[in-house]
Protein backbone atom coordinates (compact mmCIF):
# COMPACT_ATOMS: atom_id res chain seq x y z
CA MET A 1 97.28 64.66 -24.80
CA GLY A 2 99.23 61.72 -23.45
CA ASN A 3 98.00 59.13 -25.98
CA GLU A 4 99.19 60.99 -29.04
CA PRO A 5 102.57 59.92 -30.59
CA GLU A 6 105.57 62.19 -30.31
CA ILE A 7 106.39 63.76 -33.67
CA ASP A 8 109.93 64.71 -34.48
CA TRP A 9 109.65 68.05 -36.35
CA ASN A 10 113.36 68.24 -37.08
CA VAL A 11 112.99 67.82 -40.85
CA GLY A 12 115.28 70.58 -42.06
CA LEU A 13 113.52 73.34 -40.18
CA ALA A 14 115.52 75.96 -38.40
CA ASP A 15 115.22 75.89 -34.61
CA GLU A 16 113.11 79.05 -34.67
CA GLU A 17 110.69 77.57 -37.24
CA ARG A 18 110.47 74.31 -35.28
CA LYS A 19 109.71 76.17 -32.03
CA ASP A 20 107.03 78.25 -33.78
CA LEU A 21 105.41 75.11 -35.16
CA GLU A 22 105.51 73.38 -31.74
CA ASN A 23 103.98 76.50 -30.13
CA LEU A 24 101.12 76.52 -32.67
CA ILE A 25 100.45 72.85 -32.14
CA ASP A 26 100.49 73.34 -28.36
CA ALA A 27 98.04 76.27 -28.70
CA PHE A 28 95.71 74.20 -30.86
CA GLN A 29 95.75 71.35 -28.36
CA ALA A 30 95.10 73.77 -25.46
CA ASP A 31 92.19 75.33 -27.37
CA ARG A 32 90.83 71.87 -28.12
CA SER A 33 90.89 70.82 -24.44
CA LEU A 34 89.13 74.04 -23.39
CA THR A 35 86.30 73.66 -25.83
CA SER A 36 82.92 72.66 -24.33
CA THR A 37 79.58 71.99 -25.90
CA GLN A 38 77.87 74.64 -23.69
CA GLU A 39 79.67 77.71 -24.94
CA LYS A 40 78.01 80.88 -26.12
CA PRO A 41 78.00 81.84 -29.82
CA GLU A 42 80.17 84.90 -29.00
CA GLU A 43 82.84 82.69 -27.51
CA LEU A 44 82.66 80.31 -30.44
CA GLN A 45 83.07 83.29 -32.84
CA LYS A 46 86.18 84.40 -30.92
CA GLN A 47 87.60 80.95 -31.15
CA ILE A 48 86.88 80.75 -34.86
CA THR A 49 88.60 84.08 -35.38
CA ALA A 50 91.63 82.93 -33.36
CA MET A 51 91.80 79.71 -35.32
CA LYS A 52 91.67 81.60 -38.64
CA GLU A 53 94.59 83.68 -37.50
CA LYS A 54 96.53 80.60 -36.49
CA MET A 55 95.71 78.88 -39.79
CA THR A 56 96.88 81.95 -41.65
CA LEU A 57 100.18 81.88 -39.75
CA MET A 58 100.65 78.17 -40.41
CA SER A 59 99.84 78.66 -44.10
CA THR A 60 102.48 81.29 -44.32
CA MET A 61 104.99 79.02 -42.68
CA LEU A 62 104.11 76.21 -45.08
CA LEU A 63 104.42 78.49 -48.14
CA ASP A 64 107.83 79.63 -46.90
CA LEU A 65 108.87 76.01 -46.44
CA ASP A 66 107.53 75.20 -49.92
CA LYS A 67 109.57 78.05 -51.43
CA LYS A 68 112.72 76.81 -49.72
CA THR A 69 112.03 73.26 -50.89
CA ARG A 70 111.59 74.41 -54.53
CA SER A 71 114.86 76.30 -54.37
CA LEU A 72 116.66 73.25 -53.01
CA TYR A 73 115.12 71.11 -55.76
CA GLU A 74 116.31 73.53 -58.40
CA VAL A 75 119.85 73.54 -56.96
CA LEU A 76 119.89 69.73 -56.91
CA ARG A 77 118.57 69.52 -60.42
CA LEU A 78 121.23 71.89 -61.76
CA PHE A 79 123.90 70.03 -59.83
CA HIS A 80 122.76 66.76 -61.36
CA LYS A 81 122.79 68.28 -64.83
CA LYS A 82 126.28 69.65 -64.25
CA THR A 83 127.47 66.24 -63.10
CA GLU A 84 126.06 64.56 -66.24
CA VAL A 85 127.80 67.13 -68.53
CA MET A 86 131.09 66.68 -66.70
CA ASN A 87 130.80 62.87 -66.96
CA GLN A 88 130.20 63.20 -70.70
CA ARG A 89 133.29 65.41 -71.08
CA ILE A 90 135.45 63.05 -69.05
CA SER A 91 134.25 60.10 -71.16
CA GLU A 92 135.03 62.04 -74.36
CA VAL A 93 138.54 62.86 -73.12
CA VAL A 94 139.15 59.23 -72.22
CA ARG A 95 137.93 58.12 -75.63
CA LEU A 96 140.22 60.64 -77.36
CA VAL A 97 143.19 59.54 -75.27
CA ASN A 98 142.53 55.89 -76.14
CA ILE A 99 142.29 56.77 -79.87
CA ARG A 100 145.67 58.60 -79.72
CA GLU A 101 147.34 55.72 -77.93
CA LYS A 102 146.24 53.27 -80.58
CA LYS A 103 147.82 55.37 -83.33
């Protein structure tokens, strides 16, 4: 499909995951180009079954990516919380040092 824009799938995916996703997209595009309006119901049923399997695989990939994203979010949230606590402690130490110097 020459008129479709190129999509850069390098959004934190591993090379293996990116290749799987590209293969799935290529397979969908190939299936779409082979589809005709004069096909028999049996052929259409086979295509529907194949598409269900591909959608199941893509759903599994998306759920895996979602799980990784949630884990990353939790790590970043905890890191931010730790940084805030450390900043509070440093501020308190600076305040105490300033109080001692004034005495």
